[in-house]
């Protein structure tokens, strides 16, 4: 286990890839922007000179493996194996995915590409989140399915900058609008230029938004990203979050996808909508079933129910994630399913032969999009492979109050322990990835345990 630097592996050029390279070669620009996604779902990237890009497009290029050796604050892990101080943080190889070609409207139209980490042998990078999801997609393809997914995100927006928040010591940020005003045209109108830029520029950036509206809370919005097949949906997720931040700063707005910034308000979700196709039809749909659910859909749903405790760490990957998962705040807290019921963890949406689908409501907006997708789809496919049956009827009413159903893990530590002992997770996501991800979450929990919080200061400083 671990990364060892090797030679670049030239990739085969398809006709479509050659057309992309030719188009970039003709553009009147000397720079190309490239990016990869780290373990937390944060885009890490750089600008390449066009000549360097033209070489990298065929042979790959080196990217420091530290992006998998440090946390979201660039503090290096002391417990990882794949890379670390023990390895000297060598370059890992990245292959650009030329199908991800976009031009960035708010950055002078610069060409942009996403990349995948690969091992020296040319095999998929074992800890690369995009490759983990592609591994799951490969499983679906072998089973004869095309995966269709769509992500939707809630996030808060503040009248802040990185400098102003640092000066405030990250306390009491100022929302762009006050009060609780969901689906408000008034609030949307008060920030109309920001709304317009998000809709129009993201469309141009090939991250189309299906719906955008205010949510319940001061300055909070929700965006539904148009669904897509394969890895494209994950790409849209990571690019949406980065783009909202890039566009927001132009309007003096600082978006935050933190799962829960205040105890007063609901947290921010990152729901996953999904269905499977056999190339001709939605195999989740069955008109004879009262809920429009095929037997295959039932097995897919049963797989997610069975593995929910195992994979929750991928849906809720930070200490803060679990502050969102509380009663009465719209987030699911138990292993439940229901039909068109937003209090359940898994919401069946019965519709037309095209629109019948499952919404997995567990992930927060802080989840890595690729890993949230891999967890949802991977668990569902496993349920189909095992021929699992639904044991219980769909819940009605408030699923959080369902009797005799235990709560999901309440902390990152508990959820990480579940993933660590899972027998199925290594099969779905790869043993190397699971080991690495578990180690990074154990590190995250240790940082929290060592921190003295404002809650502790207020509670104990004078009284004890």
Protein backbone atom coordinates (compact mmCIF):
# COMPACT_ATOMS: atom_id res chain seq x y z
CA UNK A 1 0.00 0.00 0.00
CA UNK A 2 1.25 3.50 -0.77
CA UNK A 3 2.19 5.60 -3.73
CA UNK A 4 5.51 5.21 -5.54
CA UNK A 5 6.37 7.64 -8.27
CA UNK A 6 6.56 6.20 -11.77
CA UNK A 7 6.66 7.19 -15.39
CA UNK A 8 3.67 8.75 -17.10
CA UNK A 9 1.42 6.35 -18.95
CA UNK A 10 0.35 7.80 -22.33
CA UNK A 11 -3.38 7.55 -22.78
CA UNK A 12 -5.05 6.50 -25.99
CA UNK A 13 -6.39 9.46 -27.95
CA UNK A 14 -9.93 9.12 -29.24
CA UNK A 15 -11.17 11.27 -32.09
CA UNK A 16 -13.14 13.37 -29.57
CA UNK A 17 -10.03 13.87 -27.42
CA UNK A 18 -7.99 14.95 -30.42
CA UNK A 19 -10.68 17.50 -31.31
CA UNK A 20 -10.47 18.95 -27.80
CA UNK A 21 -6.69 19.21 -27.99
CA UNK A 22 -6.92 20.90 -31.39
CA UNK A 23 -9.51 23.35 -30.08
CA UNK A 24 -7.34 24.34 -27.12
CA UNK A 25 -4.31 24.63 -29.38
CA UNK A 26 -6.18 27.17 -31.53
CA UNK A 27 -7.41 29.29 -28.61
CA UNK A 28 -5.68 32.66 -28.14
CA UNK A 29 -4.56 31.83 -24.61
CA UNK A 30 -1.30 30.80 -23.02
CA UNK A 31 -2.83 29.21 -19.93
CA UNK A 32 -5.06 26.28 -19.04
CA UNK A 33 -6.62 25.64 -15.63
CA UNK A 34 -6.59 22.05 -14.31
CA UNK A 35 -7.93 20.62 -11.05
CA UNK A 36 -8.26 17.46 -8.98
CA UNK A 37 -10.42 16.73 -5.95
CA UNK A 38 -8.92 15.96 -2.56
CA UNK A 39 -10.34 13.58 0.04
CA UNK A 40 -12.64 16.27 1.46
CA UNK A 41 -14.07 17.18 -1.95
CA UNK A 42 -12.09 20.41 -2.22
CA UNK A 43 -10.82 21.31 -5.68
CA UNK A 44 -7.05 21.65 -5.77
CA UNK A 45 -5.60 22.96 -8.99
CA UNK A 46 -3.12 25.04 -10.92
CA UNK A 47 -2.60 26.91 -14.16
CA UNK A 48 -0.49 25.23 -16.84
CA UNK A 49 1.16 26.92 -19.79
CA UNK A 50 -0.62 25.78 -22.92
CA UNK A 51 2.49 23.97 -24.16
CA UNK A 52 2.70 22.05 -20.88
CA UNK A 53 -1.02 21.22 -21.13
CA UNK A 54 -0.63 19.85 -24.66
CA UNK A 55 2.04 17.48 -23.35
CA UNK A 56 0.10 16.61 -20.18
CA UNK A 57 -3.05 15.88 -22.16
CA UNK A 58 -1.35 12.87 -23.70
CA UNK A 59 1.11 11.72 -21.05
CA UNK A 60 -0.27 13.00 -17.76
CA UNK A 61 1.58 15.19 -15.31
CA UNK A 62 2.82 15.08 -11.73
CA UNK A 63 0.74 16.52 -8.90
CA UNK A 64 2.08 16.52 -5.36
CA UNK A 65 0.58 13.62 -3.41
CA UNK A 66 0.24 15.88 -0.37
CA UNK A 67 -3.31 16.66 -1.54
CA UNK A 68 -4.16 13.27 0.01
CA UNK A 69 -1.72 13.75 2.88
CA UNK A 70 -3.23 16.80 4.54
CA UNK A 71 -6.58 17.90 5.86
CA UNK A 72 -8.87 20.75 4.81
CA UNK A 73 -6.59 23.22 6.63
CA UNK A 74 -3.39 21.84 5.05
CA UNK A 75 -2.25 20.19 8.29
CA UNK A 76 -0.42 17.00 7.38
CA UNK A 77 -1.77 13.71 8.71
CA UNK A 78 0.48 11.74 11.04
CA UNK A 79 -1.26 8.39 10.56
CA UNK A 80 -1.69 7.75 6.83
CA UNK A 81 0.09 5.09 4.80
CA UNK A 82 -0.64 5.93 1.16
CA UNK A 83 1.45 9.09 1.38
CA UNK A 84 3.03 11.10 4.19
CA UNK A 85 6.27 12.30 5.68
CA UNK A 86 7.54 8.72 5.49
CA UNK A 87 7.30 8.83 1.68
CA UNK A 88 8.49 12.39 1.19
CA UNK A 89 5.25 13.41 -0.54
CA UNK A 90 6.33 12.49 -4.09
CA UNK A 91 4.42 13.47 -7.18
CA UNK A 92 1.43 11.31 -8.05
CA UNK A 93 0.40 10.96 -11.66
CA UNK A 94 -2.71 12.74 -12.96
CA UNK A 95 -4.41 11.97 -16.26
CA UNK A 96 -6.58 14.77 -17.55
CA UNK A 97 -10.10 13.78 -18.55
CA UNK A 98 -10.48 15.63 -21.84
CA UNK A 99 -14.24 15.03 -21.79
CA UNK A 100 -14.45 17.52 -18.89
CA UNK A 101 -13.34 20.42 -21.13
CA UNK A 102 -15.02 23.68 -20.18
CA UNK A 103 -14.19 27.35 -20.41
CA UNK A 104 -14.52 29.44 -17.26
CA UNK A 105 -16.75 32.47 -18.00
CA UNK A 106 -15.59 34.44 -14.93
CA UNK A 107 -11.90 33.78 -15.62
CA UNK A 108 -11.53 35.18 -19.11
CA UNK A 109 -12.79 32.01 -20.78
CA UNK A 110 -9.71 30.04 -19.72
CA UNK A 111 -9.90 26.34 -20.72
CA UNK A 112 -10.54 24.06 -17.73
CA UNK A 113 -10.11 20.31 -17.18
CA UNK A 114 -10.58 17.86 -14.33
CA UNK A 115 -8.12 15.06 -13.78
CA UNK A 116 -7.92 11.58 -12.25
CA UNK A 117 -5.07 10.25 -10.18
CA UNK A 118 -3.56 7.06 -11.55
CA UNK A 119 -1.05 4.62 -10.13
CA UNK A 120 2.34 4.21 -11.84
CA UNK A 121 0.94 1.09 -13.51
CA UNK A 122 -1.81 3.17 -15.10
CA UNK A 123 -4.46 1.65 -12.85
CA UNK A 124 -6.96 4.02 -11.22
CA UNK A 125 -5.61 5.91 -8.20
CA UNK A 126 -6.74 3.96 -5.16
CA UNK A 127 -7.54 6.97 -2.95
CA UNK A 128 -8.77 9.36 -5.67
CA UNK A 129 -12.47 10.14 -4.94
CA UNK A 130 -13.33 10.52 -8.63
CA UNK A 131 -11.80 7.12 -9.31
CA UNK A 132 -13.72 5.60 -6.38
CA UNK A 133 -16.99 6.70 -7.94
CA UNK A 134 -15.85 5.46 -11.37
CA UNK A 135 -15.14 2.10 -9.74
CA UNK A 136 -18.79 1.96 -8.61
CA UNK A 137 -19.95 3.05 -12.07
CA UNK A 138 -17.90 0.22 -13.55
CA UNK A 139 -19.73 -2.20 -11.29
CA UNK A 140 -23.05 -0.84 -12.58
CA UNK A 141 -21.92 -1.20 -16.19
CA UNK A 142 -20.96 -4.84 -15.64
CA UNK A 143 -24.47 -5.40 -14.26
CA UNK A 144 -25.94 -3.83 -17.40
CA UNK A 145 -26.98 -0.48 -15.88
CA UNK A 146 -26.38 3.17 -16.66
CA UNK A 147 -26.45 5.34 -13.54
CA UNK A 148 -28.39 8.63 -13.64
CA UNK A 149 -27.96 10.97 -10.69
CA UNK A 150 -28.64 14.57 -9.73
CA UNK A 151 -27.34 16.55 -6.77
CA UNK A 152 -29.00 19.38 -4.91
CA UNK A 153 -27.29 21.65 -2.41
CA UNK A 154 -28.30 24.05 0.32
CA UNK A 155 -25.79 26.67 1.41
CA UNK A 156 -25.63 29.91 3.39
CA UNK A 157 -24.39 33.19 1.93
CA UNK A 158 -22.72 35.91 3.97
CA UNK A 159 -21.73 39.53 3.40
CA UNK A 160 -18.15 38.66 4.25
CA UNK A 161 -14.70 38.08 2.82
CA UNK A 162 -11.98 35.68 3.98
CA UNK A 163 -10.26 38.67 5.58
CA UNK A 164 -13.35 39.92 7.41
CA UNK A 165 -14.16 36.45 8.75
CA UNK A 166 -10.60 35.97 9.97
CA UNK A 167 -10.76 39.37 11.68
CA UNK A 168 -13.97 38.24 13.42
CA UNK A 169 -12.28 34.99 14.43
CA UNK A 170 -15.06 33.23 12.45
CA UNK A 171 -17.74 34.41 14.88
CA UNK A 172 -21.08 36.05 13.97
CA UNK A 173 -20.94 36.19 10.17
CA UNK A 174 -23.43 38.57 8.55
CA UNK A 175 -26.00 36.83 6.29
CA UNK A 176 -26.88 38.60 3.04
CA UNK A 177 -30.53 38.77 4.16
CA UNK A 178 -32.24 38.41 7.55
CA UNK A 179 -35.00 36.15 8.79
CA UNK A 180 -36.66 32.88 7.81
CA UNK A 181 -38.05 33.31 4.30
CA UNK A 182 -38.08 30.15 2.19
CA UNK A 183 -39.06 30.27 -1.48
CA UNK A 184 -38.96 34.06 -1.27
CA UNK A 185 -39.10 36.04 -4.50
CA UNK A 186 -38.56 39.16 -2.38
CA UNK A 187 -35.25 37.93 -1.02
CA UNK A 188 -34.19 36.59 -4.41
CA UNK A 189 -34.93 40.00 -5.92
CA UNK A 190 -32.78 41.70 -3.30
CA UNK A 191 -29.80 39.71 -4.60
CA UNK A 192 -30.92 39.42 -8.21
CA UNK A 193 -27.49 40.02 -9.83
CA UNK A 194 -26.03 37.13 -7.79
CA UNK A 195 -28.95 34.85 -8.68
CA UNK A 196 -28.65 35.78 -12.36
CA UNK A 197 -24.90 35.17 -12.44
CA UNK A 198 -25.28 31.75 -10.81
CA UNK A 199 -27.94 30.66 -13.30
CA UNK A 200 -26.41 32.08 -16.48
CA UNK A 201 -22.68 31.62 -15.89
CA UNK A 202 -23.03 28.09 -14.53
CA UNK A 203 -25.07 27.17 -17.60
CA UNK A 204 -22.23 28.46 -19.75
CA UNK A 205 -19.80 26.47 -17.58
CA UNK A 206 -21.74 23.26 -18.28
CA UNK A 207 -23.11 23.01 -14.75
CA UNK A 208 -26.79 23.68 -15.52
CA UNK A 209 -29.10 24.60 -12.64
CA UNK A 210 -32.62 23.20 -12.79
CA UNK A 211 -33.98 25.23 -9.89
CA UNK A 212 -32.67 27.90 -7.51
CA UNK A 213 -34.53 29.41 -4.57
CA UNK A 214 -34.17 30.73 -1.03
CA UNK A 215 -34.50 28.22 1.79
CA UNK A 216 -35.49 28.48 5.45
CA UNK A 217 -32.87 30.60 7.16
CA UNK A 218 -31.10 33.93 6.72
CA UNK A 219 -29.24 34.04 3.42
CA UNK A 220 -29.65 30.36 2.59
CA UNK A 221 -30.29 29.11 -0.95
CA UNK A 222 -30.96 25.73 -2.52
CA UNK A 223 -29.87 24.72 -6.02
CA UNK A 224 -30.91 21.60 -7.91
CA UNK A 225 -28.30 20.65 -10.52
CA UNK A 226 -29.60 19.03 -13.71
CA UNK A 227 -29.09 15.26 -13.53
CA UNK A 228 -26.50 13.51 -15.64
CA UNK A 229 -25.20 10.06 -16.44
CA UNK A 230 -22.01 8.61 -15.05
CA UNK A 231 -19.24 10.63 -13.43
CA UNK A 232 -20.53 13.88 -14.94
CA UNK A 233 -22.95 14.33 -12.03
CA UNK A 234 -20.09 14.23 -9.52
CA UNK A 235 -18.12 16.67 -11.67
CA UNK A 236 -21.06 19.06 -11.63
CA UNK A 237 -21.26 18.78 -7.85
CA UNK A 238 -17.64 19.74 -7.14
CA UNK A 239 -17.68 22.42 -9.83
CA UNK A 240 -20.93 23.93 -8.54
CA UNK A 241 -19.55 24.39 -5.03
CA UNK A 242 -16.32 25.96 -6.28
CA UNK A 243 -18.15 28.12 -8.82
CA UNK A 244 -20.59 29.51 -6.24
CA UNK A 245 -17.59 30.69 -4.23
CA UNK A 246 -15.86 32.18 -7.28
CA UNK A 247 -18.99 33.98 -8.48
CA UNK A 248 -20.05 35.06 -4.99
CA UNK A 249 -16.87 36.96 -4.24
CA UNK A 250 -17.57 39.22 -7.22
CA UNK A 251 -20.70 40.42 -5.39
CA UNK A 252 -19.09 40.67 -1.96
CA UNK A 253 -20.75 37.40 -0.97
CA UNK A 254 -19.06 34.49 0.83
CA UNK A 255 -20.91 31.18 0.35
CA UNK A 256 -20.47 28.43 2.95
CA UNK A 257 -21.28 24.75 2.44
CA UNK A 258 -20.58 23.96 6.09
CA UNK A 259 -23.20 21.47 7.27
CA UNK A 260 -24.34 23.55 10.27
CA UNK A 261 -23.05 27.02 11.09
CA UNK A 262 -25.61 27.93 13.78
CA UNK A 263 -27.68 25.95 16.26
CA UNK A 264 -30.63 28.26 15.53
CA UNK A 265 -31.15 27.20 11.92
CA UNK A 266 -31.50 23.98 9.91
CA UNK A 267 -28.30 22.65 8.43
CA UNK A 268 -27.34 22.35 4.77
CA UNK A 269 -28.04 19.18 2.82
CA UNK A 270 -26.51 17.63 -0.27
CA UNK A 271 -29.26 15.27 -1.39
CA UNK A 272 -28.62 12.59 -4.05
CA UNK A 273 -31.33 11.71 -6.60
CA UNK A 274 -30.70 8.48 -8.51
CA UNK A 275 -32.15 5.98 -10.92
CA UNK A 276 -30.86 3.18 -13.14
CA UNK A 277 -31.42 2.61 -16.84
CA UNK A 278 -30.84 -0.46 -18.97
CA UNK A 279 -30.23 1.80 -21.95
CA UNK A 280 -33.87 1.83 -22.96
CA UNK A 281 -35.91 2.50 -19.85
CA UNK A 282 -35.86 3.43 -16.18
CA UNK A 283 -35.63 0.04 -14.47
CA UNK A 284 -36.87 1.53 -11.18
CA UNK A 285 -40.35 2.02 -12.63
CA UNK A 286 -43.18 -0.51 -12.46
CA UNK A 287 -46.71 0.74 -13.18
CA UNK A 288 -48.24 -2.28 -11.42
CA UNK A 289 -46.77 -1.33 -8.05
CA UNK A 290 -48.75 1.22 -5.97
CA UNK A 291 -45.52 3.15 -5.37
CA UNK A 292 -44.31 2.64 -8.99
CA UNK A 293 -41.40 0.61 -7.61
CA UNK A 294 -39.97 -2.34 -9.50
CA UNK A 295 -38.57 -5.31 -7.61
CA UNK A 296 -35.13 -4.20 -8.68
CA UNK A 297 -35.79 -0.74 -7.18
CA UNK A 298 -36.85 -2.41 -3.93
CA UNK A 299 -33.57 -4.35 -3.78
CA UNK A 300 -31.60 -1.17 -4.53
CA UNK A 301 -33.38 0.61 -1.69
CA UNK A 302 -32.91 -2.37 0.63
CA UNK A 303 -29.16 -2.27 -0.06
CA UNK A 304 -28.93 1.34 1.04
CA UNK A 305 -30.97 0.64 4.15
CA UNK A 306 -28.78 -2.33 5.06
CA UNK A 307 -25.51 -0.42 4.66
CA UNK A 308 -26.55 2.99 5.96
CA UNK A 309 -24.58 2.72 9.20
CA UNK A 310 -21.53 1.44 7.29
CA UNK A 311 -21.44 4.32 4.83
CA UNK A 312 -22.73 7.26 6.87
CA UNK A 313 -19.16 8.47 7.31
CA UNK A 314 -19.07 9.17 3.56
CA UNK A 315 -22.29 11.20 3.82
CA UNK A 316 -21.26 13.05 6.99
CA UNK A 317 -17.45 13.33 6.86
CA UNK A 318 -16.73 16.13 9.36
CA UNK A 319 -17.21 16.75 13.06
CA UNK A 320 -19.68 19.48 12.15
CA UNK A 321 -21.72 17.11 9.95
CA UNK A 322 -23.33 15.56 13.02
CA UNK A 323 -24.56 18.93 14.35
CA UNK A 324 -26.90 18.92 11.33
CA UNK A 325 -28.34 15.51 12.19
CA UNK A 326 -30.67 16.60 15.01
CA UNK A 327 -34.40 16.23 15.58
CA UNK A 328 -36.78 18.79 14.15
CA UNK A 329 -34.31 20.33 11.70
CA UNK A 330 -35.28 18.54 8.46
CA UNK A 331 -32.28 16.19 8.48
CA UNK A 332 -32.82 12.40 8.73
CA UNK A 333 -31.66 10.82 11.98
CA UNK A 334 -32.82 7.20 11.60
CA UNK A 335 -32.53 4.34 9.10
CA UNK A 336 -35.91 4.88 7.45
CA UNK A 337 -37.61 4.91 4.08
CA UNK A 338 -40.87 6.45 2.98
CA UNK A 339 -42.79 7.52 -0.10
CA UNK A 340 -42.55 11.25 -0.89
CA UNK A 341 -41.80 12.01 2.75
CA UNK A 342 -38.99 14.45 3.45
CA UNK A 343 -38.47 13.29 7.04
CA UNK A 344 -37.08 9.89 5.96
CA UNK A 345 -33.47 9.06 5.18
CA UNK A 346 -34.50 7.48 1.88
CA UNK A 347 -37.38 9.09 -0.02
CA UNK A 348 -39.00 7.17 -2.85
CA UNK A 349 -40.36 9.57 -5.48
CA UNK A 350 -43.02 7.76 -7.55
CA UNK A 351 -43.54 9.40 -10.89
CA UNK A 352 -43.58 8.75 -14.59
CA UNK A 353 -41.62 5.99 -16.34
CA UNK A 354 -38.84 8.58 -16.66
CA UNK A 355 -38.93 10.38 -13.31
CA UNK A 356 -39.41 7.60 -10.72
CA UNK A 357 -36.33 7.72 -8.54
CA UNK A 358 -34.78 7.52 -5.08
CA UNK A 359 -33.65 10.55 -3.09
CA UNK A 360 -30.99 9.81 -0.49
CA UNK A 361 -31.37 12.63 2.04
CA UNK A 362 -28.54 11.69 4.41
CA UNK A 363 -25.59 13.61 2.88
CA UNK A 364 -24.81 17.12 4.00
CA UNK A 365 -23.57 19.84 1.68
CA UNK A 366 -20.12 19.28 3.19
CA UNK A 367 -19.85 15.75 1.74
CA UNK A 368 -17.44 15.04 -1.10
CA UNK A 369 -19.84 14.74 -4.09
CA UNK A 370 -18.01 11.77 -5.60
CA UNK A 371 -18.03 9.87 -2.32
CA UNK A 372 -21.69 10.64 -1.56
CA UNK A 373 -22.56 9.29 -5.01
CA UNK A 374 -20.29 6.26 -4.62
CA UNK A 375 -21.86 5.42 -1.27
CA UNK A 376 -25.45 5.75 -2.50
CA UNK A 377 -25.06 3.95 -5.79
CA UNK A 378 -22.61 1.36 -4.49
CA UNK A 379 -24.88 0.32 -1.63
CA UNK A 380 -27.87 0.16 -3.97
CA UNK A 381 -26.06 -2.03 -6.49
CA UNK A 382 -24.93 -4.33 -3.68
CA UNK A 383 -28.59 -4.70 -2.66
CA UNK A 384 -29.49 -5.74 -6.21
CA UNK A 385 -26.61 -8.23 -6.37
CA UNK A 386 -27.72 -9.79 -3.08
CA UNK A 387 -31.39 -9.84 -4.11
CA UNK A 388 -32.36 -8.05 -0.89
CA UNK A 389 -36.01 -7.60 -0.01
CA UNK A 390 -37.66 -4.71 1.77
CA UNK A 391 -38.62 -5.98 5.22
CA UNK A 392 -40.82 -3.09 6.30
CA UNK A 393 -43.57 -1.00 4.76
CA UNK A 394 -42.83 2.67 4.10
CA UNK A 395 -43.13 4.89 7.15
CA UNK A 396 -45.76 7.56 7.38
CA UNK A 397 -45.62 10.71 9.48
CA UNK A 398 -42.44 12.01 11.07
CA UNK A 399 -39.77 9.37 10.48
CA UNK A 400 -37.57 10.88 13.22
CA UNK A 401 -40.16 9.76 15.76
CA UNK A 402 -40.43 6.21 14.42
CA UNK A 403 -40.57 3.81 17.35
CA UNK A 404 -38.06 0.98 17.77
CA UNK A 405 -35.71 2.32 15.10
CA UNK A 406 -32.36 3.34 16.62
CA UNK A 407 -30.69 6.59 15.70
CA UNK A 408 -27.89 6.73 13.20
CA UNK A 409 -24.40 7.47 14.59
CA UNK A 410 -24.26 10.77 16.45
CA UNK A 411 -20.56 11.50 15.95
CA UNK A 412 -17.80 11.25 13.38
CA UNK A 413 -15.96 8.87 15.69
CA UNK A 414 -18.85 6.40 15.81
CA UNK A 415 -19.49 6.57 12.07
CA UNK A 416 -15.79 6.11 11.29
CA UNK A 417 -15.66 3.02 13.48
CA UNK A 418 -18.61 1.58 11.54
CA UNK A 419 -16.84 2.13 8.21
CA UNK A 420 -13.63 0.65 9.57
CA UNK A 421 -15.28 -2.65 10.54
CA UNK A 422 -17.51 -2.87 7.47
CA UNK A 423 -17.09 -6.07 5.47
CA UNK A 424 -18.79 -4.61 2.37
CA UNK A 425 -17.12 -1.19 2.06
CA UNK A 426 -13.71 -2.53 0.90
CA UNK A 427 -15.48 -4.57 -1.77
CA UNK A 428 -17.38 -1.52 -3.05
CA UNK A 429 -14.76 1.22 -2.74
CA UNK A 430 -11.45 -0.64 -2.48
CA UNK A 431 -9.56 -1.65 0.66
CA UNK A 432 -6.84 0.98 0.15
CA UNK A 433 -9.36 3.79 -0.12
CA UNK A 434 -11.31 2.64 2.94
CA UNK A 435 -8.12 2.37 5.01
CA UNK A 436 -6.97 5.83 3.92
CA UNK A 437 -10.34 7.50 4.43
CA UNK A 438 -10.77 5.96 7.88
CA UNK A 439 -7.33 7.20 8.91
CA UNK A 440 -8.16 10.73 7.74
CA UNK A 441 -11.43 10.73 9.71
CA UNK A 442 -9.68 9.40 12.82
CA UNK A 443 -7.25 12.30 12.45
CA UNK A 444 -10.16 14.75 12.08
CA UNK A 445 -11.77 13.47 15.27
CA UNK A 446 -8.47 13.76 17.17
CA UNK A 447 -8.13 17.41 16.13
CA UNK A 448 -11.60 18.05 17.52
CA UNK A 449 -10.85 16.24 20.76
CA UNK A 450 -7.77 18.40 21.29
CA UNK A 451 -9.60 21.69 20.60
CA UNK A 452 -11.02 23.96 23.31
CA UNK A 453 -14.34 25.34 22.03
CA UNK A 454 -16.28 28.51 22.85
CA UNK A 455 -19.04 26.25 24.26
CA UNK A 456 -16.60 24.90 26.84
CA UNK A 457 -15.35 28.36 27.72
CA UNK A 458 -18.86 29.69 28.31
CA UNK A 459 -19.94 26.63 30.24
CA UNK A 460 -16.96 26.05 32.51
CA UNK A 461 -14.63 29.07 32.67
CA UNK A 462 -16.30 30.88 35.56
CA UNK A 463 -18.57 28.27 37.12
CA UNK A 464 -16.37 25.22 37.64
